[in-house]
PDB file of N, CA and C in Angstrom:
ATOM      1  N   UNK A   1      85.004  73.257 110.629  1.00  0.00           N
ATOM      2  CA  UNK A   1      85.206  71.849 110.914  1.00  0.00           C
ATOM      3  C   UNK A   1      83.953  71.113 110.457  1.00  0.00           C
ATOM      4  N   UNK A   2      84.141  69.924 109.893  1.00  0.00           N
ATOM      5  CA  UNK A   2      83.049  69.139 109.338  1.00  0.00           C
ATOM      6  C   UNK A   2      83.151  67.715 109.871  1.00  0.00           C
ATOM      7  N   UNK A   3      82.044  67.004 109.903  1.00  0.00           N
ATOM      8  CA  UNK A   3      82.116  65.617 110.342  1.00  0.00           C
ATOM      9  C   UNK A   3      80.788  64.928 110.376  1.00  0.00           C
ATOM     10  N   UNK A   4      80.735  63.887 111.185  1.00  0.00           N
ATOM     11  CA  UNK A   4      79.542  63.062 111.259  1.00  0.00           C
ATOM     12  C   UNK A   4      79.351  62.530 112.656  1.00  0.00           C
ATOM     13  N   UNK A   5      78.110  62.193 112.950  1.00  0.00           N
ATOM     14  CA  UNK A   5      77.750  61.433 114.142  1.00  0.00           C
ATOM     15  C   UNK A   5      77.004  60.210 113.630  1.00  0.00           C
ATOM     16  N   UNK A   6      77.407  59.053 114.099  1.00  0.00           N
ATOM     17  CA  UNK A   6      76.743  57.813 113.726  1.00  0.00           C
ATOM     18  C   UNK A   6      76.164  57.172 114.976  1.00  0.00           C
ATOM     19  N   UNK A   7      74.918  56.742 114.886  1.00  0.00           N
ATOM     20  CA  UNK A   7      74.269  56.012 115.973  1.00  0.00           C
ATOM     21  C   UNK A   7      74.072  54.583 115.485  1.00  0.00           C
ATOM     22  N   UNK A   8      74.498  53.613 116.309  1.00  0.00           N
ATOM     23  CA  UNK A   8      74.382  52.220 115.902  1.00  0.00           C
ATOM     24  C   UNK A   8      74.369  51.305 117.110  1.00  0.00           C
ATOM     25  N   UNK A   9      74.001  50.057 116.864  1.00  0.00           N
ATOM     26  CA  UNK A   9      73.999  49.041 117.922  1.00  0.00           C
ATOM     27  C   UNK A   9      75.087  48.016 117.631  1.00  0.00           C
ATOM     28  N   UNK A  10      75.709  47.558 118.721  1.00  0.00           N
ATOM     29  CA  UNK A  10      76.784  46.569 118.624  1.00  0.00           C
ATOM     30  C   UNK A  10      76.545  45.490 119.670  1.00  0.00           C
ATOM     31  N   UNK A  11      76.538  44.220 119.287  1.00  0.00           N
ATOM     32  CA  UNK A  11      76.437  43.159 120.284  1.00  0.00           C
ATOM     33  C   UNK A  11      77.612  43.255 121.263  1.00  0.00           C
ATOM     34  N   UNK A  12      77.368  42.893 122.512  1.00  0.00           N
ATOM     35  CA  UNK A  12      78.376  43.029 123.567  1.00  0.00           C
ATOM     36  C   UNK A  12      79.716  42.402 123.196  1.00  0.00           C
ATOM     37  N   UNK A  13      79.679  41.263 122.532  1.00  0.00           N
ATOM     38  CA  UNK A  13      80.929  40.574 122.195  1.00  0.00           C
ATOM     39  C   UNK A  13      81.736  41.303 121.119  1.00  0.00           C
ATOM     40  N   UNK A  14      81.114  42.264 120.433  1.00  0.00           N
ATOM     41  CA  UNK A  14      81.814  43.014 119.379  1.00  0.00           C
ATOM     42  C   UNK A  14      82.291  44.393 119.832  1.00  0.00           C
ATOM     43  N   UNK A  15      81.999  44.766 121.073  1.00  0.00           N
ATOM     44  CA  UNK A  15      82.365  46.096 121.543  1.00  0.00           C
ATOM     45  C   UNK A  15      83.884  46.306 121.580  1.00  0.00           C
ATOM     46  N   UNK A  16      84.627  45.369 122.131  1.00  0.00           N
ATOM     47  CA  UNK A  16      86.089  45.517 122.208  1.00  0.00           C
ATOM     48  C   UNK A  16      86.726  45.587 120.818  1.00  0.00           C
ATOM     49  N   UNK A  17      86.367  44.705 119.885  1.00  0.00           N
ATOM     50  CA  UNK A  17      86.949  44.831 118.543  1.00  0.00           C
ATOM     51  C   UNK A  17      86.582  46.151 117.863  1.00  0.00           C
ATOM     52  N   UNK A  18      85.364  46.649 118.080  1.00  0.00           N
ATOM     53  CA  UNK A  18      84.971  47.912 117.471  1.00  0.00           C
ATOM     54  C   UNK A  18      85.782  49.068 118.054  1.00  0.00           C
ATOM     55  N   UNK A  19      85.968  49.067 119.371  1.00  0.00           N
ATOM     56  CA  UNK A  19      86.804  50.106 119.995  1.00  0.00           C
ATOM     57  C   UNK A  19      88.220  50.082 119.418  1.00  0.00           C
ATOM     58  N   UNK A  20      88.754  48.899 119.192  1.00  0.00           N
ATOM     59  CA  UNK A  20      90.103  48.773 118.639  1.00  0.00           C
ATOM     60  C   UNK A  20      90.165  49.379 117.230  1.00  0.00           C
ATOM     61  N   UNK A  21      89.126  49.184 116.427  1.00  0.00           N
ATOM     62  CA  UNK A  21      89.104  49.780 115.091  1.00  0.00           C
ATOM     63  C   UNK A  21      89.060  51.303 115.164  1.00  0.00           C
ATOM     64  N   UNK A  22      88.245  51.843 116.062  1.00  0.00           N
ATOM     65  CA  UNK A  22      88.165  53.298 116.220  1.00  0.00           C
ATOM     66  C   UNK A  22      89.518  53.858 116.653  1.00  0.00           C
ATOM     67  N   UNK A  23      90.151  53.217 117.610  1.00  0.00           N
ATOM     68  CA  UNK A  23      91.460  53.676 118.091  1.00  0.00           C
ATOM     69  C   UNK A  23      92.518  53.589 116.996  1.00  0.00           C
ATOM     70  N   UNK A  24      92.454  52.563 116.161  1.00  0.00           N
ATOM     71  CA  UNK A  24      93.436  52.392 115.086  1.00  0.00           C
ATOM     72  C   UNK A  24      93.358  53.530 114.073  1.00  0.00           C
ATOM     73  N   UNK A  25      92.176  54.089 113.861  1.00  0.00           N
ATOM     74  CA  UNK A  25      92.036  55.183 112.894  1.00  0.00           C
ATOM     75  C   UNK A  25      92.835  56.414 113.313  1.00  0.00           C
ATOM     76  N   UNK A  26      93.083  56.564 114.596  1.00  0.00           N
ATOM     77  CA  UNK A  26      93.829  57.718 115.093  1.00  0.00           C
ATOM     78  C   UNK A  26      95.262  57.748 114.558  1.00  0.00           C
ATOM     79  N   UNK A  27      95.776  56.627 114.127  1.00  0.00           N
ATOM     80  CA  UNK A  27      97.180  56.541 113.706  1.00  0.00           C
ATOM     81  C   UNK A  27      97.368  56.433 112.194  1.00  0.00           C
ATOM     82  N   UNK A  28      96.285  56.543 111.417  1.00  0.00           N
ATOM     83  CA  UNK A  28      96.382  56.310 109.978  1.00  0.00           C
ATOM     84  C   UNK A  28      96.874  57.506 109.177  1.00  0.00           C
ATOM     85  N   UNK A  29      96.854  58.691 109.742  1.00  0.00           N
ATOM     86  CA  UNK A  29      97.314  59.870 109.018  1.00  0.00           C
ATOM     87  C   UNK A  29      96.404  60.268 107.873  1.00  0.00           C
ATOM     88  N   UNK A  30      95.095  60.103 108.036  1.00  0.00           N
ATOM     89  CA  UNK A  30      94.140  60.460 106.995  1.00  0.00           C
ATOM     90  C   UNK A  30      94.114  61.982 106.855  1.00  0.00           C
ATOM     91  N   UNK A  31      94.253  62.481 105.635  1.00  0.00           N
ATOM     92  CA  UNK A  31      94.301  63.919 105.387  1.00  0.00           C
ATOM     93  C   UNK A  31      93.038  64.602 105.908  1.00  0.00           C
ATOM     94  N   UNK A  32      93.210  65.592 106.758  1.00  0.00           N
ATOM     95  CA  UNK A  32      92.105  66.369 107.294  1.00  0.00           C
ATOM     96  C   UNK A  32      91.432  65.781 108.507  1.00  0.00           C
ATOM     97  N   UNK A  33      91.770  64.548 108.876  1.00  0.00           N
ATOM     98  CA  UNK A  33      91.149  63.882 110.023  1.00  0.00           C
ATOM     99  C   UNK A  33      91.635  64.516 111.316  1.00  0.00           C
ATOM    100  N   UNK A  34      90.691  64.931 112.171  1.00  0.00           N
ATOM    101  CA  UNK A  34      91.039  65.572 113.439  1.00  0.00           C
ATOM    102  C   UNK A  34      90.848  64.671 114.642  1.00  0.00           C
ATOM    103  N   UNK A  35      89.965  63.702 114.539  1.00  0.00           N
ATOM    104  CA  UNK A  35      89.770  62.789 115.666  1.00  0.00           C
ATOM    105  C   UNK A  35      88.359  62.245 115.741  1.00  0.00           C
ATOM    106  N   UNK A  36      88.203  61.277 116.639  1.00  0.00           N
ATOM    107  CA  UNK A  36      86.916  60.608 116.857  1.00  0.00           C
ATOM    108  C   UNK A  36      86.688  60.415 118.336  1.00  0.00           C
ATOM    109  N   UNK A  37      85.431  60.292 118.700  1.00  0.00           N
ATOM    110  CA  UNK A  37      85.038  59.935 120.058  1.00  0.00           C
ATOM    111  C   UNK A  37      83.936  58.895 119.952  1.00  0.00           C
ATOM    112  N   UNK A  38      83.930  57.968 120.910  1.00  0.00           N
ATOM    113  CA  UNK A  38      82.940  56.905 120.928  1.00  0.00           C
ATOM    114  C   UNK A  38      82.203  56.972 122.257  1.00  0.00           C
ATOM    115  N   UNK A  39      80.875  57.062 122.194  1.00  0.00           N
ATOM    116  CA  UNK A  39      80.039  57.095 123.391  1.00  0.00           C
ATOM    117  C   UNK A  39      79.288  55.776 123.496  1.00  0.00           C
ATOM    118  N   UNK A  40      79.442  55.092 124.633  1.00  0.00           N
ATOM    119  CA  UNK A  40      78.673  53.890 124.933  1.00  0.00           C
ATOM    120  C   UNK A  40      77.594  54.334 125.915  1.00  0.00           C
ATOM    121  N   UNK A  41      76.344  54.217 125.531  1.00  0.00           N
ATOM    122  CA  UNK A  41      75.233  54.734 126.330  1.00  0.00           C
ATOM    123  C   UNK A  41      75.043  53.927 127.614  1.00  0.00           C
ATOM    124  N   UNK A  42      74.953  54.630 128.747  1.00  0.00           N
ATOM    125  CA  UNK A  42      74.743  53.972 130.045  1.00  0.00           C
ATOM    126  C   UNK A  42      73.464  53.142 130.070  1.00  0.00           C
ATOM    127  N   UNK A  43      72.375  53.729 129.594  1.00  0.00           N
ATOM    128  CA  UNK A  43      71.086  53.056 129.701  1.00  0.00           C
ATOM    129  C   UNK A  43      70.819  52.052 128.581  1.00  0.00           C
ATOM    130  N   UNK A  44      71.669  52.026 127.577  1.00  0.00           N
ATOM    131  CA  UNK A  44      71.571  51.053 126.475  1.00  0.00           C
ATOM    132  C   UNK A  44      72.997  50.704 126.045  1.00  0.00           C
ATOM    133  N   UNK A  45      73.682  49.817 126.771  1.00  0.00           N
ATOM    134  CA  UNK A  45      75.099  49.557 126.482  1.00  0.00           C
ATOM    135  C   UNK A  45      75.391  48.985 125.105  1.00  0.00           C
ATOM    136  N   UNK A  46      74.358  48.530 124.393  1.00  0.00           N
ATOM    137  CA  UNK A  46      74.590  48.047 123.029  1.00  0.00           C
ATOM    138  C   UNK A  46      74.427  49.170 121.999  1.00  0.00           C
ATOM    139  N   UNK A  47      74.084  50.386 122.465  1.00  0.00           N
ATOM    140  CA  UNK A  47      73.907  51.533 121.582  1.00  0.00           C
ATOM    141  C   UNK A  47      75.097  52.460 121.715  1.00  0.00           C
ATOM    142  N   UNK A  48      75.692  52.799 120.583  1.00  0.00           N
ATOM    143  CA  UNK A  48      76.875  53.655 120.571  1.00  0.00           C
ATOM    144  C   UNK A  48      76.660  54.842 119.654  1.00  0.00           C
ATOM    145  N   UNK A  49      77.397  55.908 119.941  1.00  0.00           N
ATOM    146  CA  UNK A  49      77.451  57.089 119.087  1.00  0.00           C
ATOM    147  C   UNK A  49      78.918  57.302 118.749  1.00  0.00           C
ATOM    148  N   UNK A  50      79.208  57.437 117.480  1.00  0.00           N
ATOM    149  CA  UNK A  50      80.562  57.718 117.022  1.00  0.00           C
ATOM    150  C   UNK A  50      80.576  59.122 116.448  1.00  0.00           C
ATOM    151  N   UNK A  51      81.471  59.952 116.955  1.00  0.00           N
ATOM    152  CA  UNK A  51      81.649  61.321 116.481  1.00  0.00           C
ATOM    153  C   UNK A  51      82.978  61.364 115.737  1.00  0.00           C
ATOM    154  N   UNK A  52      82.956  61.869 114.503  1.00  0.00           N
ATOM    155  CA  UNK A  52      84.168  61.963 113.692  1.00  0.00           C
ATOM    156  C   UNK A  52      84.294  63.398 113.188  1.00  0.00           C
ATOM    157  N   UNK A  53      85.483  63.982 113.372  1.00  0.00           N
ATOM    158  CA  UNK A  53      85.721  65.366 112.972  1.00  0.00           C
ATOM    159  C   UNK A  53      86.839  65.449 111.926  1.00  0.00           C
ATOM    160  N   UNK A  54      86.571  66.277 110.900  1.00  0.00           N
ATOM    161  CA  UNK A  54      87.549  66.570 109.856  1.00  0.00           C
ATOM    162  C   UNK A  54      87.758  68.073 109.763  1.00  0.00           C
ATOM    163  N   UNK A  55      88.869  68.464 109.202  1.00  0.00           N
ATOM    164  CA  UNK A  55      89.217  69.881 109.029  1.00  0.00           C
ATOM    165  C   UNK A  55      88.130  70.632 108.267  1.00  0.00           C
ATOM    166  N   UNK A  56      87.603  69.990 107.204  1.00  0.00           N
ATOM    167  CA  UNK A  56      86.606  70.647 106.353  1.00  0.00           C
ATOM    168  C   UNK A  56      85.820  69.582 105.585  1.00  0.00           C
ATOM    169  N   UNK A  57      84.783  70.042 104.914  1.00  0.00           N
ATOM    170  CA  UNK A  57      83.912  69.129 104.172  1.00  0.00           C
ATOM    171  C   UNK A  57      84.678  68.421 103.052  1.00  0.00           C
ATOM    172  N   UNK A  58      85.555  69.129 102.368  1.00  0.00           N
ATOM    173  CA  UNK A  58      86.292  68.530 101.244  1.00  0.00           C
ATOM    174  C   UNK A  58      87.132  67.336 101.702  1.00  0.00           C
ATOM    175  N   UNK A  59      87.840  67.463 102.816  1.00  0.00           N
ATOM    176  CA  UNK A  59      88.659  66.341 103.289  1.00  0.00           C
ATOM    177  C   UNK A  59      87.781  65.192 103.793  1.00  0.00           C
ATOM    178  N   UNK A  60      86.630  65.526 104.384  1.00  0.00           N
ATOM    179  CA  UNK A  60      85.682  64.495 104.821  1.00  0.00           C
ATOM    180  C   UNK A  60      85.168  63.691 103.620  1.00  0.00           C
ATOM    181  N   UNK A  61      84.740  64.397 102.578  1.00  0.00           N
ATOM    182  CA  UNK A  61      84.196  63.736 101.384  1.00  0.00           C
ATOM    183  C   UNK A  61      85.278  62.925 100.685  1.00  0.00           C
ATOM    184  N   UNK A  62      86.486  63.474 100.578  1.00  0.00           N
ATOM    185  CA  UNK A  62      87.579  62.735  99.935  1.00  0.00           C
ATOM    186  C   UNK A  62      87.830  61.418 100.655  1.00  0.00           C
ATOM    187  N   UNK A  63      87.819  61.445 101.977  1.00  0.00           N
ATOM    188  CA  UNK A  63      88.011  60.219 102.744  1.00  0.00           C
ATOM    189  C   UNK A  63      86.827  59.274 102.550  1.00  0.00           C
ATOM    190  N   UNK A  64      85.616  59.806 102.634  1.00  0.00           N
ATOM    191  CA  UNK A  64      84.419  58.970 102.515  1.00  0.00           C
ATOM    192  C   UNK A  64      84.355  58.256 101.169  1.00  0.00           C
ATOM    193  N   UNK A  65      84.872  58.883 100.135  1.00  0.00           N
ATOM    194  CA  UNK A  65      84.826  58.301  98.791  1.00  0.00           C
ATOM    195  C   UNK A  65      86.025  57.411  98.467  1.00  0.00           C
ATOM    196  N   UNK A  66      86.967  57.296  99.388  1.00  0.00           N
ATOM    197  CA  UNK A  66      88.174  56.511  99.105  1.00  0.00           C
ATOM    198  C   UNK A  66      87.925  55.012  99.282  1.00  0.00           C
ATOM    199  N   UNK A  67      88.577  54.186  98.461  1.00  0.00           N
ATOM    200  CA  UNK A  67      88.460  52.733  98.608  1.00  0.00           C
ATOM    201  C   UNK A  67      88.955  52.252  99.970  1.00  0.00           C
ATOM    202  N   UNK A  68      89.958  52.934 100.523  1.00  0.00           N
ATOM    203  CA  UNK A  68      90.492  52.552 101.831  1.00  0.00           C
ATOM    204  C   UNK A  68      89.435  52.736 102.924  1.00  0.00           C
ATOM    205  N   UNK A  69      88.683  53.841 102.848  1.00  0.00           N
ATOM    206  CA  UNK A  69      87.632  54.068 103.840  1.00  0.00           C
ATOM    207  C   UNK A  69      86.506  53.057 103.663  1.00  0.00           C
ATOM    208  N   UNK A  70      86.198  52.710 102.431  1.00  0.00           N
ATOM    209  CA  UNK A  70      85.166  51.706 102.198  1.00  0.00           C
ATOM    210  C   UNK A  70      85.556  50.385 102.852  1.00  0.00           C
ATOM    211  N   UNK A  71      86.809  50.017 102.727  1.00  0.00           N
ATOM    212  CA  UNK A  71      87.292  48.776 103.346  1.00  0.00           C
ATOM    213  C   UNK A  71      87.198  48.857 104.868  1.00  0.00           C
ATOM    214  N   UNK A  72      87.595  50.003 105.451  1.00  0.00           N
ATOM    215  CA  UNK A  72      87.497  50.178 106.908  1.00  0.00           C
ATOM    216  C   UNK A  72      86.035  50.137 107.352  1.00  0.00           C
ATOM    217  N   UNK A  73      85.143  50.781 106.581  1.00  0.00           N
ATOM    218  CA  UNK A  73      83.728  50.780 106.935  1.00  0.00           C
ATOM    219  C   UNK A  73      83.174  49.356 106.946  1.00  0.00           C
ATOM    220  N   UNK A  74      83.563  48.548 105.981  1.00  0.00           N
ATOM    221  CA  UNK A  74      83.065  47.173 105.932  1.00  0.00           C
ATOM    222  C   UNK A  74      83.492  46.390 107.173  1.00  0.00           C
ATOM    223  N   UNK A  75      84.693  46.672 107.695  1.00  0.00           N
ATOM    224  CA  UNK A  75      85.131  46.043 108.948  1.00  0.00           C
ATOM    225  C   UNK A  75      84.241  46.487 110.108  1.00  0.00           C
ATOM    226  N   UNK A  76      83.954  47.800 110.193  1.00  0.00           N
ATOM    227  CA  UNK A  76      83.059  48.326 111.235  1.00  0.00           C
ATOM    228  C   UNK A  76      81.679  47.688 111.122  1.00  0.00           C
ATOM    229  N   UNK A  77      81.130  47.723 109.908  1.00  0.00           N
ATOM    230  CA  UNK A  77      79.757  47.264 109.697  1.00  0.00           C
ATOM    231  C   UNK A  77      79.584  45.806 110.077  1.00  0.00           C
ATOM    232  N   UNK A  78      80.601  44.989 109.864  1.00  0.00           N
ATOM    233  CA  UNK A  78      80.528  43.572 110.213  1.00  0.00           C
ATOM    234  C   UNK A  78      80.337  43.365 111.716  1.00  0.00           C
ATOM    235  N   UNK A  79      80.722  44.346 112.521  1.00  0.00           N
ATOM    236  CA  UNK A  79      80.596  44.241 113.977  1.00  0.00           C
ATOM    237  C   UNK A  79      79.265  44.788 114.503  1.00  0.00           C
ATOM    238  N   UNK A  80      78.520  45.481 113.655  1.00  0.00           N
ATOM    239  CA  UNK A  80      77.272  46.128 114.075  1.00  0.00           C
ATOM    240  C   UNK A  80      76.076  45.192 113.928  1.00  0.00           C
ATOM    241  N   UNK A  81      75.037  45.462 114.730  1.00  0.00           N
ATOM    242  CA  UNK A  81      73.811  44.676 114.665  1.00  0.00           C
ATOM    243  C   UNK A  81      72.943  45.083 113.481  1.00  0.00           C
ATOM    244  N   UNK A  82      73.118  46.325 113.008  1.00  0.00           N
ATOM    245  CA  UNK A  82      72.311  46.857 111.905  1.00  0.00           C
ATOM    246  C   UNK A  82      73.041  48.041 111.306  1.00  0.00           C
ATOM    247  N   UNK A  83      72.533  48.545 110.183  1.00  0.00           N
ATOM    248  CA  UNK A  83      73.148  49.718 109.570  1.00  0.00           C
ATOM    249  C   UNK A  83      73.083  50.914 110.519  1.00  0.00           C
ATOM    250  N   UNK A  84      74.135  51.718 110.549  1.00  0.00           N
ATOM    251  CA  UNK A  84      74.121  52.909 111.406  1.00  0.00           C
ATOM    252  C   UNK A  84      73.229  54.006 110.821  1.00  0.00           C
ATOM    253  N   UNK A  85      72.837  54.922 111.694  1.00  0.00           N
ATOM    254  CA  UNK A  85      72.129  56.128 111.280  1.00  0.00           C
ATOM    255  C   UNK A  85      73.162  57.245 111.291  1.00  0.00           C
ATOM    256  N   UNK A  86      73.292  57.975 110.178  1.00  0.00           N
ATOM    257  CA  UNK A  86      74.343  58.984 110.006  1.00  0.00           C
ATOM    258  C   UNK A  86      73.776  60.399 110.059  1.00  0.00           C
ATOM    259  N   UNK A  87      74.544  61.298 110.655  1.00  0.00           N
ATOM    260  CA  UNK A  87      74.200  62.715 110.719  1.00  0.00           C
ATOM    261  C   UNK A  87      75.456  63.499 110.347  1.00  0.00           C
ATOM    262  N   UNK A  88      75.566  63.966 109.112  1.00  0.00           N
ATOM    263  CA  UNK A  88      76.732  64.706 108.624  1.00  0.00           C
ATOM    264  C   UNK A  88      76.468  66.203 108.720  1.00  0.00           C
ATOM    265  N   UNK A  89      77.531  66.991 108.961  1.00  0.00           N
ATOM    266  CA  UNK A  89      77.356  68.432 108.950  1.00  0.00           C
ATOM    267  C   UNK A  89      78.535  69.204 109.498  1.00  0.00           C
ATOM    268  N   UNK A  90      78.369  70.523 109.501  1.00  0.00           N
ATOM    269  CA  UNK A  90      79.376  71.446 110.033  1.00  0.00           C
ATOM    270  C   UNK A  90      79.299  71.461 111.552  1.00  0.00           C
ATOM    271  N   UNK A  91      80.456  71.452 112.203  1.00  0.00           N
ATOM    272  CA  UNK A  91      80.509  71.581 113.659  1.00  0.00           C
ATOM    273  C   UNK A  91      80.488  73.055 114.018  1.00  0.00           C
ATOM    274  N   UNK A  92      79.688  73.409 115.000  1.00  0.00           N
ATOM    275  CA  UNK A  92      79.611  74.778 115.492  1.00  0.00           C
ATOM    276  C   UNK A  92      80.148  74.797 116.918  1.00  0.00           C
ATOM    277  N   UNK A  93      81.048  75.724 117.220  1.00  0.00           N
ATOM    278  CA  UNK A  93      81.586  75.859 118.574  1.00  0.00           C
ATOM    279  C   UNK A  93      80.629  76.717 119.395  1.00  0.00           C
ATOM    280  N   UNK A  94      80.360  76.275 120.602  1.00  0.00           N
ATOM    281  CA  UNK A  94      79.489  77.006 121.511  1.00  0.00           C
ATOM    282  C   UNK A  94      80.329  77.459 122.703  1.00  0.00           C
ATOM    283  N   UNK A  95      80.222  78.714 123.044  1.00  0.00           N
ATOM    284  CA  UNK A  95      80.968  79.234 124.196  1.00  0.00           C
ATOM    285  C   UNK A  95      80.421  78.649 125.469  1.00  0.00           C
ATOM    286  N   UNK A  96      81.299  78.233 126.340  1.00  0.00           N
ATOM    287  CA  UNK A  96      80.910  77.715 127.631  1.00  0.00           C
ATOM    288  C   UNK A  96      80.743  78.904 128.579  1.00  0.00           C
ATOM    289  N   UNK A  97      79.519  79.138 129.083  1.00  0.00           N
ATOM    290  CA  UNK A  97      79.267  80.298 129.925  1.00  0.00           C
ATOM    291  C   UNK A  97      79.263  79.954 131.401  1.00  0.00           C
ATOM    292  N   UNK A  98      79.090  78.699 131.753  1.00  0.00           N
ATOM    293  CA  UNK A  98      79.070  78.321 133.161  1.00  0.00           C
ATOM    294  C   UNK A  98      80.491  78.273 133.716  1.00  0.00           C
ATOM    295  N   UNK A  99      80.653  78.656 134.944  1.00  0.00           N
ATOM    296  CA  UNK A  99      81.972  78.568 135.566  1.00  0.00           C
ATOM    297  C   UNK A  99      82.243  77.138 135.978  1.00  0.00           C
ATOM    298  N   UNK A 100      83.521  76.755 136.079  1.00  0.00           N
ATOM    299  CA  UNK A 100      83.864  75.379 136.465  1.00  0.00           C
ATOM    300  C   UNK A 100      83.211  75.000 137.783  1.00  0.00           C
ATOM    301  N   UNK A 101      82.609  73.835 137.810  1.00  0.00           N
ATOM    302  CA  UNK A 101      81.984  73.333 139.016  1.00  0.00           C
ATOM    303  C   UNK A 101      80.526  73.717 139.170  1.00  0.00           C
ATOM    304  N   UNK A 102      80.013  74.620 138.332  1.00  0.00           N
ATOM    305  CA  UNK A 102      78.611  75.001 138.469  1.00  0.00           C
ATOM    306  C   UNK A 102      77.746  74.102 137.595  1.00  0.00           C
ATOM    307  N   UNK A 103      76.503  73.865 137.984  1.00  0.00           N
ATOM    308  CA  UNK A 103      75.622  72.977 137.211  1.00  0.00           C
ATOM    309  C   UNK A 103      75.202  73.553 135.877  1.00  0.00           C
TER     310      UNK A 103
END
């Protein structure tokens, strides 16, 4: 599995529209797209982390290079306070060793 994590800031008035854009991507049927998660930081509510997962690097790159993704990115970027910081790479699964309910 391949994907990215983006860290960025969003003015409070743009948070709802940005969430709507992230949710809309779930229904687009992008080849290899597995899903996204959006984290709004408790201690910095204008700071968000977006996690995006793809089946593999090839499908991620194909999407990233598509004109349709460029158009979607421009919509996202218009809502941000500044350019995002990107972290692309392979996802590694880690076994959960703690039992449910334990710290």
